[in-house]
Amino acid sequence: MEADITTQAVGLASNTDFSLWKLFLRADFIVKSVILILIACSIYSWAIIVEKIKLFKKIHISTEQFEKNFWKSKSAETFFNTLPEKMEDPMANVFKNSMKTLLKSKRSPNLQEKMSRMLEINIEQEMEKIEKNYTFLATVGSTAPFIGLFGTVWGIMNSFQSIAISRNTSLAIVAPGIAEALFATALGLLAAIPAVVAFNKFNNDSKKYSQKLENFSKRLLSII
């Protein structure tokens, strides 16, 4: 009798579709919710990653060109007057906003202190724009594996309940449920790994660019 039950269980498992779509459809509400959350986090993380790659590539080129044109100019004020009203380069924006302060406060006795403070504020504002959504990448990288693990634990609990209901300890009976549970863990890692790698890279790139802005501001302050 036991042999017949085992044979039936093996036959049932062999006929079960283990494709990712079927695993999702067979999962219960909690596991499905976990899977959908992780997929959404992964998609948004990749959108941020692509956007930041384009951003750093763009500002690297624009900043290099700006610095080249700046140091070729006759004076900071002359160069300022030739700039367009709207610019997307962070270094250009730092320079423009700082020069506006300078021109308004030419006769101020503490001009150097004002300029230094304004440069710091402008750099912080530009870096905030660049570092937007870094927190999301860090959050996904640190929490996605645990969200996936929660889905896995919940799925395995359901598999043990199936064992209790069927009174059959054969692995073939619970294989589909365990596969659904492990799918959640895999998605958690799939969402977390790119987010962590991207966060570390972009954070490092931001520090380098911030240092570049600070170096430029010191040189600008010295010539002013």
N, C-alpha and C. Protein backbone atom coordinates (compact mmCIF):
# COMPACT_ATOMS: atom_id res chain seq x y z
N MET A 1 0.83 -1.21 0.00
CA MET A 1 0.00 0.00 0.00
C MET A 1 0.87 1.25 0.00
N GLU A 2 1.88 1.25 0.88
CA GLU A 2 2.81 2.38 0.96
C GLU A 2 3.53 2.59 -0.34
N ALA A 3 3.91 1.48 -0.99
CA ALA A 3 4.61 1.55 -2.27
C ALA A 3 3.73 2.19 -3.33
N ASP A 4 2.42 1.86 -3.30
CA ASP A 4 1.48 2.44 -4.28
C ASP A 4 1.34 3.95 -4.08
N ILE A 5 1.27 4.35 -2.80
CA ILE A 5 1.14 5.79 -2.50
C ILE A 5 2.38 6.55 -2.95
N THR A 6 3.56 5.94 -2.69
CA THR A 6 4.81 6.58 -3.09
C THR A 6 4.91 6.71 -4.60
N THR A 7 4.48 5.61 -5.29
CA THR A 7 4.51 5.63 -6.75
C THR A 7 3.59 6.72 -7.30
N GLN A 8 2.41 6.85 -6.69
CA GLN A 8 1.48 7.88 -7.12
C GLN A 8 2.05 9.27 -6.88
N ALA A 9 2.72 9.43 -5.74
CA ALA A 9 3.31 10.73 -5.41
C ALA A 9 4.40 11.11 -6.39
N VAL A 10 5.24 10.12 -6.73
CA VAL A 10 6.32 10.37 -7.69
C VAL A 10 5.73 10.73 -9.05
N GLY A 11 4.66 10.00 -9.43
CA GLY A 11 4.01 10.30 -10.71
C GLY A 11 3.41 11.70 -10.72
N LEU A 12 2.84 12.10 -9.58
CA LEU A 12 2.25 13.43 -9.46
C LEU A 12 3.32 14.51 -9.60
N ALA A 13 4.46 14.30 -8.95
CA ALA A 13 5.55 15.27 -8.99
C ALA A 13 6.13 15.40 -10.38
N SER A 14 6.23 14.23 -11.06
CA SER A 14 6.82 14.25 -12.41
C SER A 14 5.92 14.97 -13.40
N ASN A 15 4.60 14.97 -13.12
CA ASN A 15 3.66 15.64 -14.01
C ASN A 15 3.45 17.12 -13.66
N THR A 16 4.06 17.55 -12.57
CA THR A 16 3.90 18.94 -12.13
C THR A 16 4.80 19.86 -12.94
N ASP A 17 4.24 20.97 -13.36
CA ASP A 17 4.99 21.96 -14.13
C ASP A 17 5.78 22.85 -13.16
N PHE A 18 7.13 22.84 -13.29
CA PHE A 18 7.98 23.62 -12.40
C PHE A 18 8.48 24.90 -13.07
N SER A 19 7.81 25.36 -14.11
CA SER A 19 8.20 26.62 -14.74
C SER A 19 7.95 27.77 -13.76
N LEU A 20 8.67 28.88 -13.92
CA LEU A 20 8.57 29.99 -12.99
C LEU A 20 7.15 30.55 -12.92
N TRP A 21 6.49 30.63 -14.07
CA TRP A 21 5.12 31.15 -14.10
C TRP A 21 4.17 30.26 -13.31
N LYS A 22 4.31 28.94 -13.48
CA LYS A 22 3.44 27.99 -12.77
C LYS A 22 3.75 28.00 -11.27
N LEU A 23 5.02 28.16 -10.92
CA LEU A 23 5.38 28.26 -9.51
C LEU A 23 4.69 29.46 -8.87
N PHE A 24 4.66 30.56 -9.61
CA PHE A 24 4.00 31.77 -9.09
C PHE A 24 2.49 31.54 -8.96
N LEU A 25 1.88 30.95 -9.97
CA LEU A 25 0.43 30.74 -9.94
C LEU A 25 0.01 29.80 -8.82
N ARG A 26 0.83 28.79 -8.53
CA ARG A 26 0.47 27.82 -7.49
C ARG A 26 0.69 28.36 -6.08
N ALA A 27 1.52 29.41 -5.96
CA ALA A 27 1.84 29.94 -4.63
C ALA A 27 0.60 30.57 -3.99
N ASP A 28 0.60 30.60 -2.65
CA ASP A 28 -0.54 31.22 -1.96
C ASP A 28 -0.38 32.74 -1.94
N PHE A 29 -1.33 33.44 -1.33
CA PHE A 29 -1.38 34.91 -1.40
C PHE A 29 -0.12 35.55 -0.81
N ILE A 30 0.35 35.05 0.33
CA ILE A 30 1.51 35.64 0.99
C ILE A 30 2.75 35.51 0.12
N VAL A 31 3.01 34.31 -0.39
CA VAL A 31 4.19 34.08 -1.22
C VAL A 31 4.10 34.89 -2.52
N LYS A 32 2.90 34.96 -3.09
CA LYS A 32 2.71 35.78 -4.30
C LYS A 32 3.01 37.24 -4.02
N SER A 33 2.56 37.74 -2.86
CA SER A 33 2.82 39.13 -2.49
C SER A 33 4.31 39.39 -2.36
N VAL A 34 5.02 38.45 -1.74
CA VAL A 34 6.48 38.57 -1.58
C VAL A 34 7.15 38.61 -2.95
N ILE A 35 6.74 37.72 -3.83
CA ILE A 35 7.33 37.64 -5.18
C ILE A 35 7.08 38.95 -5.94
N LEU A 36 5.86 39.47 -5.87
CA LEU A 36 5.54 40.72 -6.58
C LEU A 36 6.32 41.90 -6.03
N ILE A 37 6.47 41.96 -4.70
CA ILE A 37 7.25 43.04 -4.08
C ILE A 37 8.70 42.99 -4.54
N LEU A 38 9.27 41.79 -4.56
CA LEU A 38 10.67 41.64 -4.96
C LEU A 38 10.87 41.97 -6.44
N ILE A 39 9.92 41.57 -7.27
CA ILE A 39 10.02 41.89 -8.70
C ILE A 39 9.95 43.40 -8.91
N ALA A 40 9.02 44.06 -8.19
CA ALA A 40 8.88 45.52 -8.30
C ALA A 40 10.15 46.22 -7.83
N CYS A 41 10.72 45.75 -6.72
CA CYS A 41 11.97 46.34 -6.21
C CYS A 41 13.11 46.16 -7.20
N SER A 42 13.18 44.97 -7.80
CA SER A 42 14.25 44.70 -8.76
C SER A 42 14.12 45.59 -10.00
N ILE A 43 12.90 45.73 -10.51
CA ILE A 43 12.68 46.57 -11.70
C ILE A 43 13.05 48.03 -11.42
N TYR A 44 12.59 48.54 -10.25
CA TYR A 44 12.89 49.94 -9.92
C TYR A 44 14.38 50.14 -9.66
N SER A 45 15.02 49.14 -9.06
CA SER A 45 16.47 49.22 -8.82
C SER A 45 17.23 49.32 -10.14
N TRP A 46 16.84 48.50 -11.10
CA TRP A 46 17.51 48.53 -12.40
C TRP A 46 17.24 49.84 -13.13
N ALA A 47 16.07 50.41 -12.93
CA ALA A 47 15.77 51.72 -13.53
C ALA A 47 16.70 52.78 -12.95
N ILE A 48 16.92 52.73 -11.64
CA ILE A 48 17.83 53.67 -10.99
C ILE A 48 19.26 53.44 -11.47
N ILE A 49 19.66 52.18 -11.56
CA ILE A 49 21.02 51.84 -11.99
C ILE A 49 21.31 52.40 -13.38
N VAL A 50 20.39 52.16 -14.31
CA VAL A 50 20.57 52.65 -15.69
C VAL A 50 20.62 54.18 -15.70
N GLU A 51 19.72 54.80 -14.92
CA GLU A 51 19.68 56.27 -14.88
C GLU A 51 20.97 56.85 -14.32
N LYS A 52 21.53 56.23 -13.28
CA LYS A 52 22.76 56.73 -12.66
C LYS A 52 23.98 56.50 -13.56
N ILE A 53 24.00 55.40 -14.27
CA ILE A 53 25.09 55.16 -15.21
C ILE A 53 25.12 56.25 -16.28
N LYS A 54 23.94 56.57 -16.81
CA LYS A 54 23.84 57.64 -17.82
C LYS A 54 24.22 59.00 -17.22
N LEU A 55 23.79 59.23 -15.97
CA LEU A 55 24.07 60.51 -15.31
C LEU A 55 25.57 60.73 -15.13
N PHE A 56 26.25 59.72 -14.58
CA PHE A 56 27.69 59.87 -14.33
C PHE A 56 28.48 60.00 -15.62
N LYS A 57 28.05 59.29 -16.64
CA LYS A 57 28.70 59.42 -17.94
C LYS A 57 28.53 60.84 -18.49
N LYS A 58 27.33 61.36 -18.33
CA LYS A 58 27.00 62.70 -18.84
C LYS A 58 27.77 63.79 -18.10
N ILE A 59 27.75 63.75 -16.76
CA ILE A 59 28.40 64.82 -16.01
C ILE A 59 29.92 64.73 -16.08
N HIS A 60 30.43 63.53 -16.31
CA HIS A 60 31.89 63.39 -16.48
C HIS A 60 32.33 64.17 -17.72
N ILE A 61 31.58 64.04 -18.80
CA ILE A 61 31.92 64.73 -20.05
C ILE A 61 31.68 66.23 -19.92
N SER A 62 30.50 66.61 -19.37
CA SER A 62 30.15 68.02 -19.27
C SER A 62 31.06 68.78 -18.30
N THR A 63 31.44 68.14 -17.19
CA THR A 63 32.31 68.79 -16.21
C THR A 63 33.71 68.99 -16.78
N GLU A 64 34.19 67.99 -17.49
CA GLU A 64 35.51 68.10 -18.13
C GLU A 64 35.54 69.26 -19.11
N GLN A 65 34.46 69.39 -19.90
CA GLN A 65 34.37 70.48 -20.88
C GLN A 65 34.24 71.83 -20.18
N PHE A 66 33.47 71.87 -19.10
CA PHE A 66 33.29 73.12 -18.36
C PHE A 66 34.62 73.60 -17.78
N GLU A 67 35.34 72.69 -17.14
CA GLU A 67 36.64 73.07 -16.55
C GLU A 67 37.61 73.58 -17.62
N LYS A 68 37.61 72.88 -18.74
CA LYS A 68 38.49 73.27 -19.84
C LYS A 68 38.17 74.69 -20.32
N ASN A 69 36.90 75.00 -20.49
CA ASN A 69 36.49 76.33 -20.94
C ASN A 69 36.73 77.39 -19.87
N PHE A 70 36.53 77.01 -18.62
CA PHE A 70 36.70 77.96 -17.52
C PHE A 70 38.14 78.45 -17.41
N TRP A 71 39.07 77.50 -17.42
CA TRP A 71 40.47 77.89 -17.24
C TRP A 71 41.06 78.55 -18.48
N LYS A 72 40.34 78.48 -19.58
CA LYS A 72 40.77 79.18 -20.80
C LYS A 72 40.28 80.63 -20.81
N SER A 73 39.26 80.91 -20.01
CA SER A 73 38.63 82.25 -20.03
C SER A 73 39.56 83.30 -19.40
N LYS A 74 39.29 84.58 -19.74
CA LYS A 74 40.13 85.68 -19.24
C LYS A 74 39.88 85.96 -17.76
N SER A 75 38.61 85.87 -17.36
CA SER A 75 38.27 86.10 -15.95
C SER A 75 37.00 85.33 -15.60
N ALA A 76 36.80 85.13 -14.30
CA ALA A 76 35.62 84.39 -13.84
C ALA A 76 34.34 85.14 -14.19
N GLU A 77 34.36 86.46 -14.05
CA GLU A 77 33.16 87.25 -14.33
C GLU A 77 32.82 87.24 -15.82
N THR A 78 33.85 87.33 -16.66
CA THR A 78 33.63 87.29 -18.11
C THR A 78 33.04 85.95 -18.52
N PHE A 79 33.58 84.88 -17.95
CA PHE A 79 33.10 83.54 -18.27
C PHE A 79 31.66 83.35 -17.76
N PHE A 80 31.36 83.88 -16.59
CA PHE A 80 30.02 83.81 -16.01
C PHE A 80 28.99 84.45 -16.93
N ASN A 81 29.35 85.59 -17.52
CA ASN A 81 28.42 86.32 -18.39
C ASN A 81 28.15 85.59 -19.70
N THR A 82 29.01 84.65 -20.07
CA THR A 82 28.81 83.92 -21.33
C THR A 82 27.99 82.65 -21.15
N LEU A 83 27.74 82.28 -19.90
CA LEU A 83 27.03 81.03 -19.64
C LEU A 83 25.53 81.18 -19.88
N PRO A 84 24.87 80.13 -20.38
CA PRO A 84 23.40 80.17 -20.54
C PRO A 84 22.69 80.17 -19.20
N GLU A 85 21.43 80.54 -19.18
CA GLU A 85 20.68 80.65 -17.94
C GLU A 85 20.52 79.29 -17.25
N LYS A 86 20.21 78.27 -18.03
CA LYS A 86 20.01 76.93 -17.45
C LYS A 86 21.13 75.99 -17.89
N MET A 87 21.74 75.34 -16.91
CA MET A 87 22.80 74.36 -17.19
C MET A 87 22.56 73.12 -16.34
N GLU A 88 22.90 71.96 -16.88
CA GLU A 88 22.66 70.71 -16.17
C GLU A 88 23.91 70.18 -15.48
N ASP A 89 25.06 70.75 -15.80
CA ASP A 89 26.30 70.26 -15.18
C ASP A 89 26.40 70.76 -13.73
N PRO A 90 26.65 69.88 -12.77
CA PRO A 90 26.73 70.28 -11.36
C PRO A 90 27.82 71.32 -11.09
N MET A 91 28.99 71.14 -11.69
CA MET A 91 30.07 72.10 -11.45
C MET A 91 29.72 73.48 -12.00
N ALA A 92 29.07 73.51 -13.16
CA ALA A 92 28.64 74.78 -13.75
C ALA A 92 27.62 75.47 -12.85
N ASN A 93 26.72 74.69 -12.25
CA ASN A 93 25.72 75.26 -11.35
C ASN A 93 26.35 75.80 -10.07
N VAL A 94 27.33 75.08 -9.55
CA VAL A 94 28.06 75.56 -8.36
C VAL A 94 28.73 76.90 -8.68
N PHE A 95 29.37 76.97 -9.83
CA PHE A 95 30.05 78.20 -10.23
C PHE A 95 29.06 79.34 -10.42
N LYS A 96 27.97 79.10 -11.13
CA LYS A 96 26.99 80.15 -11.42
C LYS A 96 26.37 80.71 -10.14
N ASN A 97 25.92 79.83 -9.26
CA ASN A 97 25.27 80.27 -8.03
C ASN A 97 26.24 81.03 -7.12
N SER A 98 27.48 80.58 -7.11
CA SER A 98 28.50 81.24 -6.29
C SER A 98 28.85 82.61 -6.85
N MET A 99 28.93 82.71 -8.16
CA MET A 99 29.23 83.99 -8.81
C MET A 99 28.10 85.00 -8.59
N LYS A 100 26.87 84.54 -8.57
CA LYS A 100 25.74 85.44 -8.29
C LYS A 100 25.88 86.05 -6.89
N THR A 101 26.30 85.22 -5.94
CA THR A 101 26.54 85.71 -4.57
C THR A 101 27.67 86.72 -4.56
N LEU A 102 28.72 86.40 -5.30
CA LEU A 102 29.88 87.29 -5.36
C LEU A 102 29.51 88.66 -5.92
N LEU A 103 28.79 88.68 -7.01
CA LEU A 103 28.44 89.94 -7.67
C LEU A 103 27.49 90.79 -6.83
N LYS A 104 26.68 90.12 -6.02
CA LYS A 104 25.75 90.85 -5.14
C LYS A 104 26.45 91.39 -3.90
N SER A 105 27.57 90.75 -3.52
CA SER A 105 28.23 91.11 -2.25
C SER A 105 29.66 91.60 -2.46
N LYS A 106 29.91 92.29 -3.55
CA LYS A 106 31.27 92.72 -3.88
C LYS A 106 31.89 93.58 -2.78
N ARG A 107 31.06 94.43 -2.18
CA ARG A 107 31.57 95.38 -1.19
C ARG A 107 31.47 94.84 0.25
N SER A 108 31.08 93.60 0.38
CA SER A 108 30.94 93.01 1.71
C SER A 108 32.31 92.83 2.36
N PRO A 109 32.45 93.18 3.65
CA PRO A 109 33.76 93.04 4.32
C PRO A 109 34.17 91.57 4.54
N ASN A 110 33.20 90.70 4.67
CA ASN A 110 33.51 89.27 4.88
C ASN A 110 33.16 88.46 3.63
N LEU A 111 33.60 88.95 2.49
CA LEU A 111 33.26 88.32 1.20
C LEU A 111 33.79 86.90 1.09
N GLN A 112 35.02 86.69 1.53
CA GLN A 112 35.62 85.37 1.42
C GLN A 112 34.85 84.33 2.22
N GLU A 113 34.43 84.72 3.42
CA GLU A 113 33.65 83.81 4.28
C GLU A 113 32.30 83.48 3.65
N LYS A 114 31.66 84.49 3.07
CA LYS A 114 30.37 84.28 2.41
C LYS A 114 30.51 83.36 1.21
N MET A 115 31.55 83.61 0.42
CA MET A 115 31.79 82.79 -0.77
C MET A 115 32.09 81.34 -0.40
N SER A 116 32.90 81.17 0.63
CA SER A 116 33.25 79.82 1.08
C SER A 116 32.02 79.06 1.54
N ARG A 117 31.16 79.74 2.30
CA ARG A 117 29.93 79.11 2.79
C ARG A 117 28.98 78.81 1.64
N MET A 118 28.88 79.73 0.69
CA MET A 118 28.00 79.53 -0.45
C MET A 118 28.47 78.38 -1.32
N LEU A 119 29.77 78.25 -1.49
CA LEU A 119 30.31 77.13 -2.28
C LEU A 119 29.98 75.79 -1.63
N GLU A 120 30.11 75.73 -0.32
CA GLU A 120 29.79 74.50 0.41
C GLU A 120 28.32 74.14 0.25
N ILE A 121 27.46 75.14 0.38
CA ILE A 121 26.01 74.90 0.25
C ILE A 121 25.66 74.43 -1.16
N ASN A 122 26.24 75.08 -2.16
CA ASN A 122 25.96 74.72 -3.55
C ASN A 122 26.44 73.31 -3.88
N ILE A 123 27.60 72.94 -3.35
CA ILE A 123 28.11 71.57 -3.57
C ILE A 123 27.18 70.55 -2.94
N GLU A 124 26.72 70.83 -1.72
CA GLU A 124 25.80 69.92 -1.03
C GLU A 124 24.50 69.75 -1.82
N GLN A 125 23.99 70.85 -2.35
CA GLN A 125 22.74 70.79 -3.12
C GLN A 125 22.91 69.96 -4.39
N GLU A 126 24.02 70.14 -5.08
CA GLU A 126 24.26 69.37 -6.30
C GLU A 126 24.48 67.90 -6.01
N MET A 127 25.17 67.59 -4.91
CA MET A 127 25.42 66.20 -4.55
C MET A 127 24.13 65.51 -4.11
N GLU A 128 23.22 66.26 -3.50
CA GLU A 128 21.91 65.69 -3.13
C GLU A 128 21.14 65.24 -4.37
N LYS A 129 21.24 66.02 -5.44
CA LYS A 129 20.59 65.65 -6.69
C LYS A 129 21.21 64.39 -7.27
N ILE A 130 22.54 64.32 -7.24
CA ILE A 130 23.25 63.17 -7.79
C ILE A 130 22.95 61.92 -6.98
N GLU A 131 22.89 62.06 -5.65
CA GLU A 131 22.73 60.90 -4.77
C GLU A 131 21.27 60.52 -4.51
N LYS A 132 20.36 61.13 -5.25
CA LYS A 132 18.94 60.80 -5.11
C LYS A 132 18.71 59.31 -5.41
N ASN A 133 17.91 58.66 -4.60
CA ASN A 133 17.54 57.23 -4.74
C ASN A 133 18.64 56.27 -4.28
N TYR A 134 19.75 56.79 -3.76
CA TYR A 134 20.77 55.89 -3.20
C TYR A 134 20.20 55.10 -2.02
N THR A 135 19.35 55.76 -1.23
CA THR A 135 18.76 55.11 -0.05
C THR A 135 17.93 53.90 -0.47
N PHE A 136 17.21 54.03 -1.58
CA PHE A 136 16.38 52.91 -2.05
C PHE A 136 17.27 51.72 -2.41
N LEU A 137 18.36 51.97 -3.12
CA LEU A 137 19.28 50.87 -3.49
C LEU A 137 19.84 50.20 -2.23
N ALA A 138 20.23 51.01 -1.25
CA ALA A 138 20.78 50.45 -0.01
C ALA A 138 19.72 49.64 0.74
N THR A 139 18.49 50.13 0.74
CA THR A 139 17.40 49.43 1.43
C THR A 139 17.09 48.10 0.77
N VAL A 140 17.00 48.11 -0.57
CA VAL A 140 16.74 46.86 -1.30
C VAL A 140 17.87 45.87 -1.06
N GLY A 141 19.12 46.36 -1.12
CA GLY A 141 20.26 45.47 -0.92
C GLY A 141 20.29 44.82 0.44
N SER A 142 19.80 45.53 1.46
CA SER A 142 19.86 44.98 2.83
C SER A 142 18.62 44.20 3.23
N THR A 143 17.46 44.52 2.63
CA THR A 143 16.21 43.88 3.07
C THR A 143 15.67 42.81 2.12
N ALA A 144 15.98 42.90 0.83
CA ALA A 144 15.42 41.95 -0.14
C ALA A 144 15.68 40.48 0.21
N PRO A 145 16.92 40.10 0.65
CA PRO A 145 17.13 38.70 1.01
C PRO A 145 16.22 38.23 2.14
N PHE A 146 15.95 39.12 3.10
CA PHE A 146 15.10 38.75 4.24
C PHE A 146 13.64 38.67 3.83
N ILE A 147 13.22 39.56 2.91
CA ILE A 147 11.85 39.46 2.39
C ILE A 147 11.67 38.14 1.66
N GLY A 148 12.67 37.77 0.84
CA GLY A 148 12.63 36.49 0.14
C GLY A 148 12.63 35.32 1.11
N LEU A 149 13.42 35.45 2.17
CA LEU A 149 13.49 34.39 3.18
C LEU A 149 12.15 34.22 3.90
N PHE A 150 11.46 35.34 4.13
CA PHE A 150 10.13 35.26 4.74
C PHE A 150 9.19 34.46 3.84
N GLY A 151 9.22 34.74 2.53
CA GLY A 151 8.39 33.99 1.59
C GLY A 151 8.74 32.51 1.58
N THR A 152 10.04 32.23 1.71
CA THR A 152 10.49 30.83 1.72
C THR A 152 9.98 30.10 2.97
N VAL A 153 10.13 30.74 4.11
CA VAL A 153 9.68 30.13 5.38
C VAL A 153 8.17 29.88 5.33
N TRP A 154 7.44 30.86 4.82
CA TRP A 154 5.98 30.71 4.73
C TRP A 154 5.61 29.56 3.79
N GLY A 155 6.30 29.46 2.65
CA GLY A 155 6.03 28.39 1.70
C GLY A 155 6.35 27.01 2.26
N ILE A 156 7.44 26.92 2.99
CA ILE A 156 7.81 25.63 3.59
C ILE A 156 6.81 25.24 4.68
N MET A 157 6.32 26.21 5.43
CA MET A 157 5.27 25.92 6.42
C MET A 157 4.05 25.31 5.74
N ASN A 158 3.68 25.87 4.58
CA ASN A 158 2.54 25.32 3.83
C ASN A 158 2.84 23.90 3.35
N SER A 159 4.09 23.64 3.00
CA SER A 159 4.48 22.30 2.55
C SER A 159 4.35 21.28 3.68
N PHE A 160 4.73 21.69 4.88
CA PHE A 160 4.59 20.79 6.03
C PHE A 160 3.12 20.53 6.36
N GLN A 161 2.31 21.56 6.14
CA GLN A 161 0.87 21.36 6.34
C GLN A 161 0.32 20.35 5.33
N SER A 162 0.87 20.38 4.09
CA SER A 162 0.46 19.41 3.07
C SER A 162 0.83 17.99 3.49
N ILE A 163 1.98 17.86 4.12
CA ILE A 163 2.41 16.54 4.62
C ILE A 163 1.42 16.04 5.67
N ALA A 164 1.03 16.94 6.58
CA ALA A 164 0.11 16.56 7.66
C ALA A 164 -1.25 16.16 7.10
N ILE A 165 -1.72 16.90 6.08
CA ILE A 165 -3.04 16.61 5.52
C ILE A 165 -3.04 15.31 4.73
N SER A 166 -1.99 15.12 3.93
CA SER A 166 -1.94 13.92 3.08
C SER A 166 -1.44 12.69 3.83
N ARG A 167 -0.81 12.93 5.00
CA ARG A 167 -0.22 11.84 5.80
C ARG A 167 0.78 11.03 4.98
N ASN A 168 1.48 11.74 4.15
CA ASN A 168 2.50 11.10 3.31
C ASN A 168 3.78 11.93 3.43
N THR A 169 4.86 11.30 3.87
CA THR A 169 6.12 12.01 4.09
C THR A 169 6.99 12.03 2.85
N SER A 170 6.46 11.57 1.73
CA SER A 170 7.26 11.55 0.50
C SER A 170 7.59 12.98 0.07
N LEU A 171 8.84 13.19 -0.33
CA LEU A 171 9.29 14.50 -0.79
C LEU A 171 8.54 14.93 -2.05
N ALA A 172 8.11 13.95 -2.84
CA ALA A 172 7.41 14.27 -4.09
C ALA A 172 6.11 15.03 -3.83
N ILE A 173 5.50 14.80 -2.67
CA ILE A 173 4.25 15.49 -2.35
C ILE A 173 4.50 16.98 -2.10
N VAL A 174 5.61 17.29 -1.43
CA VAL A 174 5.87 18.69 -1.03
C VAL A 174 6.84 19.40 -1.96
N ALA A 175 7.34 18.70 -2.97
CA ALA A 175 8.33 19.32 -3.88
C ALA A 175 7.82 20.59 -4.53
N PRO A 176 6.59 20.63 -5.05
CA PRO A 176 6.11 21.87 -5.66
C PRO A 176 6.08 23.04 -4.68
N GLY A 177 5.61 22.78 -3.46
CA GLY A 177 5.55 23.84 -2.44
C GLY A 177 6.92 24.35 -2.06
N ILE A 178 7.88 23.43 -1.94
CA ILE A 178 9.25 23.84 -1.59
C ILE A 178 9.87 24.63 -2.74
N ALA A 179 9.59 24.22 -3.96
CA ALA A 179 10.10 24.95 -5.13
C ALA A 179 9.57 26.38 -5.16
N GLU A 180 8.28 26.54 -4.84
CA GLU A 180 7.68 27.89 -4.79
C GLU A 180 8.36 28.73 -3.71
N ALA A 181 8.64 28.09 -2.57
CA ALA A 181 9.27 28.80 -1.46
C ALA A 181 10.69 29.24 -1.81
N LEU A 182 11.44 28.34 -2.43
CA LEU A 182 12.82 28.67 -2.80
C LEU A 182 12.87 29.72 -3.91
N PHE A 183 11.82 29.76 -4.71
CA PHE A 183 11.74 30.78 -5.77
C PHE A 183 11.76 32.18 -5.15
N ALA A 184 11.11 32.34 -4.00
CA ALA A 184 11.09 33.63 -3.31
C ALA A 184 12.49 34.02 -2.84
N THR A 185 13.24 33.05 -2.32
CA THR A 185 14.62 33.33 -1.90
C THR A 185 15.49 33.74 -3.08
N ALA A 186 15.33 33.04 -4.19
CA ALA A 186 16.11 33.36 -5.39
C ALA A 186 15.82 34.78 -5.87
N LEU A 187 14.55 35.17 -5.83
CA LEU A 187 14.18 36.53 -6.25
C LEU A 187 14.75 37.57 -5.29
N GLY A 188 14.78 37.23 -4.00
CA GLY A 188 15.35 38.14 -3.01
C GLY A 188 16.82 38.43 -3.30
N LEU A 189 17.55 37.38 -3.62
CA LEU A 189 18.97 37.54 -3.96
C LEU A 189 19.14 38.27 -5.29
N LEU A 190 18.25 37.97 -6.23
CA LEU A 190 18.30 38.60 -7.55
C LEU A 190 18.07 40.11 -7.44
N ALA A 191 17.24 40.52 -6.51
CA ALA A 191 16.99 41.95 -6.31
C ALA A 191 18.11 42.61 -5.50
N ALA A 192 18.64 41.87 -4.52
CA ALA A 192 19.61 42.46 -3.59
C ALA A 192 21.00 42.64 -4.17
N ILE A 193 21.50 41.62 -4.88
CA ILE A 193 22.90 41.65 -5.34
C ILE A 193 23.19 42.83 -6.26
N PRO A 194 22.40 43.06 -7.34
CA PRO A 194 22.68 44.23 -8.18
C PRO A 194 22.54 45.55 -7.42
N ALA A 195 21.58 45.62 -6.50
CA ALA A 195 21.37 46.85 -5.74
C ALA A 195 22.58 47.17 -4.86
N VAL A 196 23.14 46.16 -4.20
CA VAL A 196 24.31 46.36 -3.34
C VAL A 196 25.53 46.76 -4.16
N VAL A 197 25.78 46.04 -5.26
CA VAL A 197 26.92 46.35 -6.12
C VAL A 197 26.80 47.77 -6.69
N ALA A 198 25.61 48.12 -7.16
CA ALA A 198 25.38 49.44 -7.74
C ALA A 198 25.54 50.53 -6.69
N PHE A 199 24.99 50.31 -5.50
CA PHE A 199 25.09 51.30 -4.43
C PHE A 199 26.55 51.58 -4.08
N ASN A 200 27.34 50.53 -3.94
CA ASN A 200 28.76 50.70 -3.60
C ASN A 200 29.51 51.45 -4.69
N LYS A 201 29.22 51.11 -5.94
CA LYS A 201 29.89 51.77 -7.06
C LYS A 201 29.50 53.25 -7.15
N PHE A 202 28.20 53.52 -7.12
CA PHE A 202 27.73 54.90 -7.25
C PHE A 202 28.15 55.75 -6.06
N ASN A 203 28.17 55.15 -4.89
CA ASN A 203 28.61 55.87 -3.70
C ASN A 203 30.07 56.28 -3.83
N ASN A 204 30.88 55.38 -4.36
CA ASN A 204 32.29 55.67 -4.59
C ASN A 204 32.46 56.75 -5.66
N ASP A 205 31.66 56.65 -6.73
CA ASP A 205 31.71 57.66 -7.80
C ASP A 205 31.29 59.03 -7.27
N SER A 206 30.31 59.05 -6.38
CA SER A 206 29.84 60.31 -5.81
C SER A 206 30.91 60.97 -4.95
N LYS A 207 31.62 60.16 -4.19
CA LYS A 207 32.70 60.70 -3.35
C LYS A 207 33.79 61.32 -4.21
N LYS A 208 34.13 60.65 -5.31
CA LYS A 208 35.15 61.18 -6.21
C LYS A 208 34.69 62.49 -6.85
N TYR A 209 33.42 62.53 -7.26
CA TYR A 209 32.91 63.74 -7.91
C TYR A 209 32.79 64.88 -6.89
N SER A 210 32.38 64.55 -5.67
CA SER A 210 32.29 65.56 -4.62
C SER A 210 33.66 66.16 -4.35
N GLN A 211 34.69 65.33 -4.34
CA GLN A 211 36.05 65.81 -4.15
C GLN A 211 36.48 66.71 -5.30
N LYS A 212 36.03 66.38 -6.49
CA LYS A 212 36.33 67.20 -7.67
C LYS A 212 35.70 68.58 -7.54
N LEU A 213 34.46 68.63 -7.07
CA LEU A 213 33.78 69.90 -6.86
C LEU A 213 34.46 70.72 -5.77
N GLU A 214 34.89 70.07 -4.72
CA GLU A 214 35.57 70.77 -3.63
C GLU A 214 36.91 71.35 -4.10
N ASN A 215 37.64 70.59 -4.90
CA ASN A 215 38.92 71.08 -5.43
C ASN A 215 38.70 72.30 -6.32
N PHE A 216 37.66 72.22 -7.15
CA PHE A 216 37.34 73.35 -8.02
C PHE A 216 36.95 74.59 -7.20
N SER A 217 36.16 74.38 -6.15
CA SER A 217 35.71 75.51 -5.33
C SER A 217 36.88 76.17 -4.61
N LYS A 218 37.86 75.38 -4.18
CA LYS A 218 39.05 75.95 -3.52
C LYS A 218 39.87 76.79 -4.50
N ARG A 219 40.01 76.29 -5.70
CA ARG A 219 40.76 77.03 -6.72
C ARG A 219 40.01 78.30 -7.12
N LEU A 220 38.68 78.19 -7.23
CA LEU A 220 37.86 79.35 -7.56
C LEU A 220 37.96 80.41 -6.47
N LEU A 221 37.92 79.96 -5.23
CA LEU A 221 38.00 80.89 -4.11
C LEU A 221 39.35 81.60 -4.07
N SER A 222 40.39 80.86 -4.41
CA SER A 222 41.74 81.44 -4.39
C SER A 222 41.92 82.52 -5.45
N ILE A 223 41.34 82.33 -6.63
CA ILE A 223 41.50 83.35 -7.67
C ILE A 223 40.56 84.54 -7.45
N ILE A 224 39.47 84.31 -6.75
CA ILE A 224 38.55 85.42 -6.44
C ILE A 224 39.12 86.30 -5.32
